[in-house]
Amino acid sequence: MRTINRKAEKKHNQNFDPFISQAQYQKYEKQLAKLKKESPFLRDEVARLALLGDFSENVEYQIAKSKLRSANHKILKLETLLNQSQIISDDTDNELVKLGKTVTLETNGEIKKYQILGSQESDPSKNIISQNSPLGQNLLGKKVGEKIEIILKDKKIIYKIISID
């Protein structure tokens, strides 16, 4: 028997990075609670519209069913995410660069600060980098004063670790 693979399901084959901050975990919990609160209303709406008859021409039923399916998918996704996630510990040891730390770097006379988190929270525009990024990978386990070298396409960048917070 052949199983059907939908386009959206292809995204699930990506590597999962379980590390998230406590704040992100709480954000996901709030989203889940909100969706679970809305779910009974959506189910009642689908049941009410189903009573109107012919499903093939009942656009309101199809829209309500789609909203319910979407909400159920989001609930399942958030529950799975919360069950598989590992919260990044608030370690006070600032000797080594670790997940969750903010690192101050110097490169070409410029000072830059980056927080290293899991891939789910990565946002380079806010100076939050993933532990899986080239810079994040090279920083992990290093100490203040050490230098790291990143080679990107056609240039080489050298960073010096100024501080770890």
N, C-alpha and C. Protein backbone atom coordinates (compact mmCIF):
# COMPACT_ATOMS: atom_id res chain seq x y z
N MET A 1 0.84 -1.18 0.00
CA MET A 1 0.00 0.00 0.00
C MET A 1 0.89 1.24 0.00
N ARG A 2 0.57 2.16 -0.85
CA ARG A 2 1.36 3.39 -0.99
C ARG A 2 0.77 4.48 -0.11
N THR A 3 1.63 5.20 0.60
CA THR A 3 1.15 6.30 1.42
C THR A 3 1.30 7.60 0.63
N ILE A 4 0.41 8.51 0.90
CA ILE A 4 0.41 9.79 0.19
C ILE A 4 1.30 10.77 0.96
N ASN A 5 2.21 11.41 0.26
CA ASN A 5 3.07 12.44 0.84
C ASN A 5 2.62 13.79 0.31
N ARG A 6 2.15 14.61 1.20
CA ARG A 6 1.74 15.96 0.81
C ARG A 6 2.96 16.86 0.76
N LYS A 7 2.84 17.96 0.03
CA LYS A 7 3.97 18.89 -0.08
C LYS A 7 4.44 19.38 1.29
N ALA A 8 3.48 19.68 2.17
CA ALA A 8 3.83 20.21 3.49
C ALA A 8 4.60 19.19 4.31
N GLU A 9 4.38 17.90 4.06
CA GLU A 9 5.05 16.87 4.85
C GLU A 9 6.52 16.73 4.50
N LYS A 10 6.93 17.23 3.36
CA LYS A 10 8.33 17.15 2.97
C LYS A 10 9.22 17.99 3.88
N LYS A 11 8.65 19.03 4.46
CA LYS A 11 9.40 19.89 5.35
C LYS A 11 9.79 19.17 6.63
N HIS A 12 9.05 18.14 7.00
CA HIS A 12 9.29 17.44 8.26
C HIS A 12 10.56 16.60 8.24
N ASN A 13 11.17 16.44 7.10
CA ASN A 13 12.38 15.64 7.00
C ASN A 13 13.63 16.42 7.39
N GLN A 14 13.47 17.71 7.69
CA GLN A 14 14.61 18.52 8.06
C GLN A 14 15.11 18.11 9.45
N ASN A 15 16.38 18.34 9.72
CA ASN A 15 16.94 18.02 11.03
C ASN A 15 16.29 18.89 12.09
N PHE A 16 15.93 18.28 13.20
CA PHE A 16 15.27 18.98 14.29
C PHE A 16 16.31 19.38 15.34
N ASP A 17 16.33 20.64 15.70
CA ASP A 17 17.22 21.15 16.73
C ASP A 17 16.36 21.36 17.99
N PRO A 18 16.53 20.53 19.01
CA PRO A 18 15.63 20.56 20.16
C PRO A 18 15.88 21.70 21.16
N PHE A 19 16.96 22.43 21.02
CA PHE A 19 17.32 23.41 22.03
C PHE A 19 16.56 24.72 21.87
N ILE A 20 15.85 25.12 22.95
CA ILE A 20 15.14 26.40 22.96
C ILE A 20 15.32 27.06 24.33
N SER A 21 15.11 28.35 24.36
CA SER A 21 15.20 29.09 25.62
C SER A 21 13.92 28.90 26.42
N GLN A 22 13.98 29.22 27.70
CA GLN A 22 12.81 29.12 28.57
C GLN A 22 11.70 30.04 28.06
N ALA A 23 12.06 31.24 27.59
CA ALA A 23 11.08 32.19 27.08
C ALA A 23 10.35 31.63 25.86
N GLN A 24 11.08 30.99 24.96
CA GLN A 24 10.47 30.41 23.76
C GLN A 24 9.56 29.24 24.14
N TYR A 25 9.98 28.46 25.12
CA TYR A 25 9.16 27.33 25.59
C TYR A 25 7.82 27.84 26.12
N GLN A 26 7.87 28.91 26.92
CA GLN A 26 6.65 29.50 27.47
C GLN A 26 5.77 30.10 26.38
N LYS A 27 6.39 30.67 25.36
CA LYS A 27 5.64 31.22 24.23
C LYS A 27 4.87 30.10 23.51
N TYR A 28 5.54 28.97 23.29
CA TYR A 28 4.89 27.82 22.66
C TYR A 28 3.75 27.29 23.53
N GLU A 29 3.94 27.27 24.85
CA GLU A 29 2.89 26.80 25.76
C GLU A 29 1.66 27.69 25.67
N LYS A 30 1.86 29.00 25.59
CA LYS A 30 0.73 29.94 25.48
C LYS A 30 -0.02 29.74 24.17
N GLN A 31 0.73 29.55 23.08
CA GLN A 31 0.10 29.31 21.78
C GLN A 31 -0.73 28.04 21.82
N LEU A 32 -0.20 27.00 22.44
CA LEU A 32 -0.91 25.72 22.54
C LEU A 32 -2.18 25.88 23.36
N ALA A 33 -2.10 26.57 24.49
CA ALA A 33 -3.28 26.78 25.33
C ALA A 33 -4.36 27.54 24.58
N LYS A 34 -3.97 28.54 23.82
CA LYS A 34 -4.93 29.34 23.04
C LYS A 34 -5.61 28.48 21.98
N LEU A 35 -4.83 27.67 21.28
CA LEU A 35 -5.40 26.81 20.25
C LEU A 35 -6.34 25.76 20.84
N LYS A 36 -5.97 25.20 21.99
CA LYS A 36 -6.84 24.20 22.63
C LYS A 36 -8.14 24.83 23.12
N LYS A 37 -8.08 26.09 23.49
CA LYS A 37 -9.28 26.81 23.93
C LYS A 37 -10.22 27.07 22.75
N GLU A 38 -9.66 27.36 21.58
CA GLU A 38 -10.45 27.65 20.38
C GLU A 38 -10.99 26.39 19.71
N SER A 39 -10.33 25.26 19.92
CA SER A 39 -10.66 24.03 19.22
C SER A 39 -12.11 23.56 19.40
N PRO A 40 -12.68 23.57 20.61
CA PRO A 40 -14.08 23.13 20.74
C PRO A 40 -15.05 24.00 19.94
N PHE A 41 -14.79 25.29 19.89
CA PHE A 41 -15.65 26.18 19.10
C PHE A 41 -15.59 25.80 17.62
N LEU A 42 -14.39 25.52 17.13
CA LEU A 42 -14.23 25.14 15.72
C LEU A 42 -14.94 23.81 15.43
N ARG A 43 -14.84 22.85 16.35
CA ARG A 43 -15.53 21.56 16.16
C ARG A 43 -17.04 21.75 16.13
N ASP A 44 -17.56 22.59 17.03
CA ASP A 44 -19.00 22.85 17.06
C ASP A 44 -19.46 23.52 15.77
N GLU A 45 -18.64 24.42 15.26
CA GLU A 45 -18.98 25.12 14.02
C GLU A 45 -19.02 24.15 12.84
N VAL A 46 -18.08 23.23 12.76
CA VAL A 46 -18.07 22.22 11.70
C VAL A 46 -19.31 21.34 11.81
N ALA A 47 -19.65 20.93 13.02
CA ALA A 47 -20.83 20.09 13.22
C ALA A 47 -22.11 20.82 12.83
N ARG A 48 -22.20 22.09 13.20
CA ARG A 48 -23.39 22.89 12.86
C ARG A 48 -23.54 23.03 11.35
N LEU A 49 -22.43 23.32 10.68
CA LEU A 49 -22.48 23.52 9.22
C LEU A 49 -22.69 22.21 8.48
N ALA A 50 -22.31 21.11 9.08
CA ALA A 50 -22.51 19.80 8.44
C ALA A 50 -24.00 19.47 8.33
N LEU A 51 -24.77 20.03 9.24
CA LEU A 51 -26.22 19.78 9.22
C LEU A 51 -26.93 20.47 8.05
N LEU A 52 -26.24 21.38 7.40
CA LEU A 52 -26.86 22.13 6.29
C LEU A 52 -26.95 21.32 5.00
N GLY A 53 -26.31 20.17 4.97
CA GLY A 53 -26.49 19.30 3.81
C GLY A 53 -25.26 19.11 2.96
N ASP A 54 -25.45 19.15 1.66
CA ASP A 54 -24.47 18.80 0.64
C ASP A 54 -23.09 19.41 0.92
N PHE A 55 -22.12 18.55 1.24
CA PHE A 55 -20.77 19.02 1.59
C PHE A 55 -20.03 19.60 0.38
N SER A 56 -20.31 19.09 -0.81
CA SER A 56 -19.57 19.53 -1.99
C SER A 56 -19.86 20.98 -2.36
N GLU A 57 -21.03 21.47 -2.02
CA GLU A 57 -21.37 22.86 -2.36
C GLU A 57 -21.48 23.74 -1.13
N ASN A 58 -21.17 23.20 0.02
CA ASN A 58 -21.26 23.95 1.27
C ASN A 58 -19.89 24.59 1.57
N VAL A 59 -19.69 25.78 1.04
CA VAL A 59 -18.40 26.47 1.16
C VAL A 59 -18.08 26.80 2.62
N GLU A 60 -19.10 27.20 3.35
CA GLU A 60 -18.87 27.54 4.76
C GLU A 60 -18.37 26.32 5.54
N TYR A 61 -18.93 25.15 5.24
CA TYR A 61 -18.50 23.91 5.89
C TYR A 61 -17.04 23.62 5.53
N GLN A 62 -16.70 23.77 4.25
CA GLN A 62 -15.34 23.49 3.80
C GLN A 62 -14.33 24.42 4.48
N ILE A 63 -14.70 25.69 4.62
CA ILE A 63 -13.81 26.67 5.27
C ILE A 63 -13.65 26.33 6.75
N ALA A 64 -14.76 26.01 7.42
CA ALA A 64 -14.71 25.66 8.84
C ALA A 64 -13.89 24.39 9.05
N LYS A 65 -14.08 23.42 8.16
CA LYS A 65 -13.33 22.16 8.26
C LYS A 65 -11.83 22.43 8.07
N SER A 66 -11.51 23.31 7.15
CA SER A 66 -10.11 23.67 6.90
C SER A 66 -9.50 24.36 8.13
N LYS A 67 -10.25 25.25 8.77
CA LYS A 67 -9.77 25.93 9.97
C LYS A 67 -9.53 24.92 11.11
N LEU A 68 -10.46 23.97 11.25
CA LEU A 68 -10.32 22.95 12.28
C LEU A 68 -9.10 22.07 12.01
N ARG A 69 -8.93 21.67 10.76
CA ARG A 69 -7.78 20.83 10.38
C ARG A 69 -6.47 21.58 10.66
N SER A 70 -6.44 22.86 10.33
CA SER A 70 -5.25 23.69 10.55
C SER A 70 -4.96 23.81 12.05
N ALA A 71 -6.00 24.05 12.85
CA ALA A 71 -5.82 24.18 14.30
C ALA A 71 -5.32 22.86 14.88
N ASN A 72 -5.89 21.75 14.46
CA ASN A 72 -5.45 20.43 14.95
C ASN A 72 -4.00 20.16 14.58
N HIS A 73 -3.62 20.55 13.37
CA HIS A 73 -2.23 20.36 12.92
C HIS A 73 -1.29 21.20 13.79
N LYS A 74 -1.66 22.44 14.05
CA LYS A 74 -0.81 23.31 14.88
C LYS A 74 -0.70 22.78 16.30
N ILE A 75 -1.81 22.26 16.84
CA ILE A 75 -1.79 21.68 18.19
C ILE A 75 -0.83 20.50 18.24
N LEU A 76 -0.96 19.61 17.27
CA LEU A 76 -0.08 18.43 17.22
C LEU A 76 1.38 18.84 17.08
N LYS A 77 1.64 19.82 16.22
CA LYS A 77 3.01 20.30 16.01
C LYS A 77 3.59 20.91 17.29
N LEU A 78 2.80 21.74 17.98
CA LEU A 78 3.28 22.37 19.21
C LEU A 78 3.48 21.34 20.33
N GLU A 79 2.57 20.37 20.45
CA GLU A 79 2.73 19.33 21.47
C GLU A 79 4.00 18.53 21.22
N THR A 80 4.24 18.18 19.98
CA THR A 80 5.45 17.43 19.63
C THR A 80 6.69 18.27 19.93
N LEU A 81 6.64 19.53 19.54
CA LEU A 81 7.77 20.44 19.77
C LEU A 81 8.07 20.57 21.25
N LEU A 82 7.03 20.76 22.06
CA LEU A 82 7.23 20.91 23.50
C LEU A 82 7.74 19.63 24.14
N ASN A 83 7.27 18.49 23.66
CA ASN A 83 7.71 17.20 24.22
C ASN A 83 9.15 16.88 23.86
N GLN A 84 9.60 17.32 22.70
CA GLN A 84 10.94 16.98 22.23
C GLN A 84 11.99 18.05 22.54
N SER A 85 11.54 19.21 22.98
CA SER A 85 12.47 20.33 23.22
C SER A 85 13.27 20.15 24.49
N GLN A 86 14.47 20.70 24.44
CA GLN A 86 15.34 20.74 25.62
C GLN A 86 15.60 22.21 25.92
N ILE A 87 15.27 22.61 27.14
CA ILE A 87 15.44 24.01 27.52
C ILE A 87 16.92 24.27 27.81
N ILE A 88 17.40 25.35 27.25
CA ILE A 88 18.80 25.76 27.45
C ILE A 88 18.95 26.23 28.89
N SER A 89 19.88 25.63 29.62
CA SER A 89 20.06 25.97 31.04
C SER A 89 20.73 27.33 31.20
N ASP A 90 20.37 27.99 32.30
CA ASP A 90 20.98 29.27 32.64
C ASP A 90 22.24 29.01 33.44
N ASP A 91 23.32 28.74 32.73
CA ASP A 91 24.60 28.42 33.34
C ASP A 91 25.33 29.72 33.68
N THR A 92 25.79 29.84 34.92
CA THR A 92 26.51 31.06 35.33
C THR A 92 28.00 30.99 35.02
N ASP A 93 28.46 29.85 34.56
CA ASP A 93 29.87 29.68 34.22
C ASP A 93 30.15 30.39 32.89
N ASN A 94 30.97 31.42 32.94
CA ASN A 94 31.29 32.20 31.74
C ASN A 94 32.70 31.93 31.25
N GLU A 95 33.26 30.77 31.57
CA GLU A 95 34.60 30.41 31.14
C GLU A 95 34.63 30.01 29.67
N LEU A 96 33.62 29.25 29.25
CA LEU A 96 33.55 28.75 27.88
C LEU A 96 32.30 29.24 27.18
N VAL A 97 32.36 29.37 25.87
CA VAL A 97 31.19 29.71 25.08
C VAL A 97 30.30 28.48 25.02
N LYS A 98 29.06 28.64 25.46
CA LYS A 98 28.08 27.56 25.48
C LYS A 98 26.77 28.06 24.90
N LEU A 99 25.89 27.11 24.66
CA LEU A 99 24.55 27.43 24.19
C LEU A 99 23.85 28.33 25.20
N GLY A 100 23.27 29.41 24.74
CA GLY A 100 22.56 30.35 25.60
C GLY A 100 23.39 31.56 25.99
N LYS A 101 24.68 31.51 25.74
CA LYS A 101 25.58 32.61 26.12
C LYS A 101 25.57 33.72 25.07
N THR A 102 25.88 34.93 25.54
CA THR A 102 26.08 36.07 24.65
C THR A 102 27.59 36.31 24.58
N VAL A 103 28.09 36.38 23.36
CA VAL A 103 29.53 36.50 23.15
C VAL A 103 29.83 37.83 22.48
N THR A 104 30.79 38.54 23.02
CA THR A 104 31.25 39.79 22.41
C THR A 104 32.52 39.47 21.63
N LEU A 105 32.49 39.84 20.35
CA LEU A 105 33.60 39.53 19.45
C LEU A 105 34.17 40.81 18.84
N GLU A 106 35.44 40.72 18.46
CA GLU A 106 36.08 41.82 17.74
C GLU A 106 36.56 41.29 16.40
N THR A 107 36.22 42.02 15.34
CA THR A 107 36.70 41.67 14.01
C THR A 107 36.93 42.95 13.22
N ASN A 108 38.09 43.08 12.68
CA ASN A 108 38.47 44.27 11.91
C ASN A 108 38.20 45.57 12.65
N GLY A 109 38.46 45.60 13.95
CA GLY A 109 38.27 46.80 14.75
C GLY A 109 36.83 47.04 15.18
N GLU A 110 35.91 46.20 14.75
CA GLU A 110 34.50 46.34 15.12
C GLU A 110 34.17 45.38 16.26
N ILE A 111 33.31 45.84 17.15
CA ILE A 111 32.83 45.00 18.25
C ILE A 111 31.41 44.55 17.91
N LYS A 112 31.17 43.24 18.00
CA LYS A 112 29.84 42.68 17.72
C LYS A 112 29.47 41.73 18.84
N LYS A 113 28.17 41.71 19.17
CA LYS A 113 27.66 40.80 20.19
C LYS A 113 26.68 39.83 19.55
N TYR A 114 26.82 38.57 19.89
CA TYR A 114 25.92 37.53 19.38
C TYR A 114 25.47 36.64 20.53
N GLN A 115 24.19 36.30 20.51
CA GLN A 115 23.68 35.30 21.44
C GLN A 115 23.57 33.99 20.67
N ILE A 116 24.01 32.91 21.27
CA ILE A 116 23.99 31.61 20.60
C ILE A 116 22.83 30.78 21.17
N LEU A 117 21.86 30.48 20.31
CA LEU A 117 20.70 29.69 20.69
C LEU A 117 20.50 28.57 19.68
N GLY A 118 19.43 27.81 19.85
CA GLY A 118 19.09 26.76 18.91
C GLY A 118 18.58 27.32 17.60
N SER A 119 18.47 26.47 16.61
CA SER A 119 18.05 26.89 15.27
C SER A 119 16.65 27.50 15.22
N GLN A 120 15.78 27.07 16.12
CA GLN A 120 14.40 27.56 16.12
C GLN A 120 14.31 29.05 16.44
N GLU A 121 15.26 29.55 17.18
CA GLU A 121 15.22 30.95 17.62
C GLU A 121 16.21 31.84 16.88
N SER A 122 16.93 31.29 15.96
CA SER A 122 17.95 32.04 15.23
C SER A 122 17.34 33.23 14.51
N ASP A 123 17.94 34.40 14.70
CA ASP A 123 17.49 35.63 14.03
C ASP A 123 18.70 36.55 13.88
N PRO A 124 19.45 36.39 12.79
CA PRO A 124 20.67 37.20 12.60
C PRO A 124 20.42 38.71 12.66
N SER A 125 19.23 39.17 12.29
CA SER A 125 18.96 40.61 12.34
C SER A 125 18.93 41.13 13.78
N LYS A 126 18.72 40.23 14.75
CA LYS A 126 18.73 40.59 16.16
C LYS A 126 19.99 40.08 16.85
N ASN A 127 20.98 39.67 16.06
CA ASN A 127 22.25 39.12 16.55
C ASN A 127 22.07 37.86 17.39
N ILE A 128 21.07 37.07 17.02
CA ILE A 128 20.87 35.75 17.63
C ILE A 128 21.25 34.74 16.56
N ILE A 129 22.31 33.98 16.84
CA ILE A 129 22.79 33.01 15.85
C ILE A 129 22.57 31.59 16.35
N SER A 130 22.46 30.69 15.41
CA SER A 130 22.26 29.28 15.73
C SER A 130 23.57 28.62 16.09
N GLN A 131 23.48 27.64 16.95
CA GLN A 131 24.65 26.84 17.28
C GLN A 131 25.14 26.06 16.06
N ASN A 132 24.28 25.92 15.06
CA ASN A 132 24.63 25.17 13.86
C ASN A 132 25.21 26.04 12.75
N SER A 133 25.20 27.36 12.96
CA SER A 133 25.77 28.27 11.96
C SER A 133 27.29 28.13 11.98
N PRO A 134 27.97 28.51 10.92
CA PRO A 134 29.44 28.42 10.91
C PRO A 134 30.08 29.15 12.09
N LEU A 135 29.60 30.36 12.38
CA LEU A 135 30.15 31.12 13.50
C LEU A 135 29.81 30.45 14.83
N GLY A 136 28.56 30.03 15.00
CA GLY A 136 28.14 29.37 16.23
C GLY A 136 28.92 28.10 16.50
N GLN A 137 29.10 27.29 15.48
CA GLN A 137 29.85 26.03 15.63
C GLN A 137 31.28 26.28 16.07
N ASN A 138 31.90 27.29 15.47
CA ASN A 138 33.30 27.59 15.79
C ASN A 138 33.48 28.24 17.15
N LEU A 139 32.44 28.94 17.64
CA LEU A 139 32.55 29.61 18.94
C LEU A 139 32.38 28.65 20.12
N LEU A 140 31.54 27.64 19.96
CA LEU A 140 31.26 26.74 21.08
C LEU A 140 32.53 26.10 21.62
N GLY A 141 32.67 26.19 22.95
CA GLY A 141 33.82 25.58 23.62
C GLY A 141 35.05 26.47 23.69
N LYS A 142 34.99 27.65 23.12
CA LYS A 142 36.16 28.56 23.14
C LYS A 142 36.14 29.43 24.40
N LYS A 143 37.31 30.03 24.71
CA LYS A 143 37.47 30.89 25.88
C LYS A 143 37.73 32.33 25.46
N VAL A 144 37.62 33.24 26.44
CA VAL A 144 37.93 34.65 26.20
C VAL A 144 39.38 34.76 25.76
N GLY A 145 39.61 35.57 24.74
CA GLY A 145 40.96 35.79 24.22
C GLY A 145 41.31 34.91 23.03
N GLU A 146 40.58 33.82 22.84
CA GLU A 146 40.86 32.94 21.70
C GLU A 146 40.37 33.58 20.41
N LYS A 147 41.01 33.18 19.32
CA LYS A 147 40.63 33.66 18.00
C LYS A 147 40.07 32.48 17.20
N ILE A 148 39.09 32.81 16.37
CA ILE A 148 38.55 31.80 15.47
C ILE A 148 38.55 32.36 14.06
N GLU A 149 38.60 31.47 13.12
CA GLU A 149 38.69 31.85 11.71
C GLU A 149 37.50 31.24 10.98
N ILE A 150 36.75 32.10 10.30
CA ILE A 150 35.60 31.64 9.51
C ILE A 150 35.91 31.92 8.04
N ILE A 151 35.74 30.91 7.21
CA ILE A 151 35.96 31.09 5.78
C ILE A 151 34.61 31.05 5.08
N LEU A 152 34.26 32.18 4.49
CA LEU A 152 33.03 32.30 3.72
C LEU A 152 33.39 32.49 2.25
N LYS A 153 32.66 31.89 1.39
CA LYS A 153 32.88 31.92 -0.06
C LYS A 153 34.27 32.39 -0.47
N ASP A 154 34.47 33.70 -0.48
CA ASP A 154 35.73 34.22 -1.00
C ASP A 154 36.51 35.06 0.01
N LYS A 155 36.11 35.03 1.26
CA LYS A 155 36.85 35.81 2.25
C LYS A 155 37.02 35.05 3.56
N LYS A 156 38.04 35.46 4.29
CA LYS A 156 38.35 34.84 5.58
C LYS A 156 38.18 35.92 6.65
N ILE A 157 37.39 35.58 7.70
CA ILE A 157 37.14 36.53 8.78
C ILE A 157 37.70 35.95 10.07
N ILE A 158 38.45 36.77 10.79
CA ILE A 158 39.02 36.34 12.07
C ILE A 158 38.32 37.11 13.19
N TYR A 159 37.80 36.35 14.15
CA TYR A 159 37.10 36.92 15.30
C TYR A 159 37.93 36.64 16.55
N LYS A 160 37.97 37.63 17.44
CA LYS A 160 38.61 37.44 18.74
C LYS A 160 37.52 37.56 19.80
N ILE A 161 37.47 36.61 20.72
CA ILE A 161 36.46 36.61 21.77
C ILE A 161 36.88 37.60 22.87
N ILE A 162 36.06 38.62 23.07
CA ILE A 162 36.33 39.67 24.05
C ILE A 162 35.72 39.30 25.41
N SER A 163 34.46 38.87 25.41
CA SER A 163 33.80 38.48 26.66
C SER A 163 32.69 37.48 26.40
N ILE A 164 32.33 36.78 27.48
CA ILE A 164 31.25 35.80 27.44
C ILE A 164 30.29 36.13 28.57
N ASP A 165 29.04 36.37 28.26
CA ASP A 165 28.03 36.69 29.27
C ASP A 165 26.93 35.66 29.30
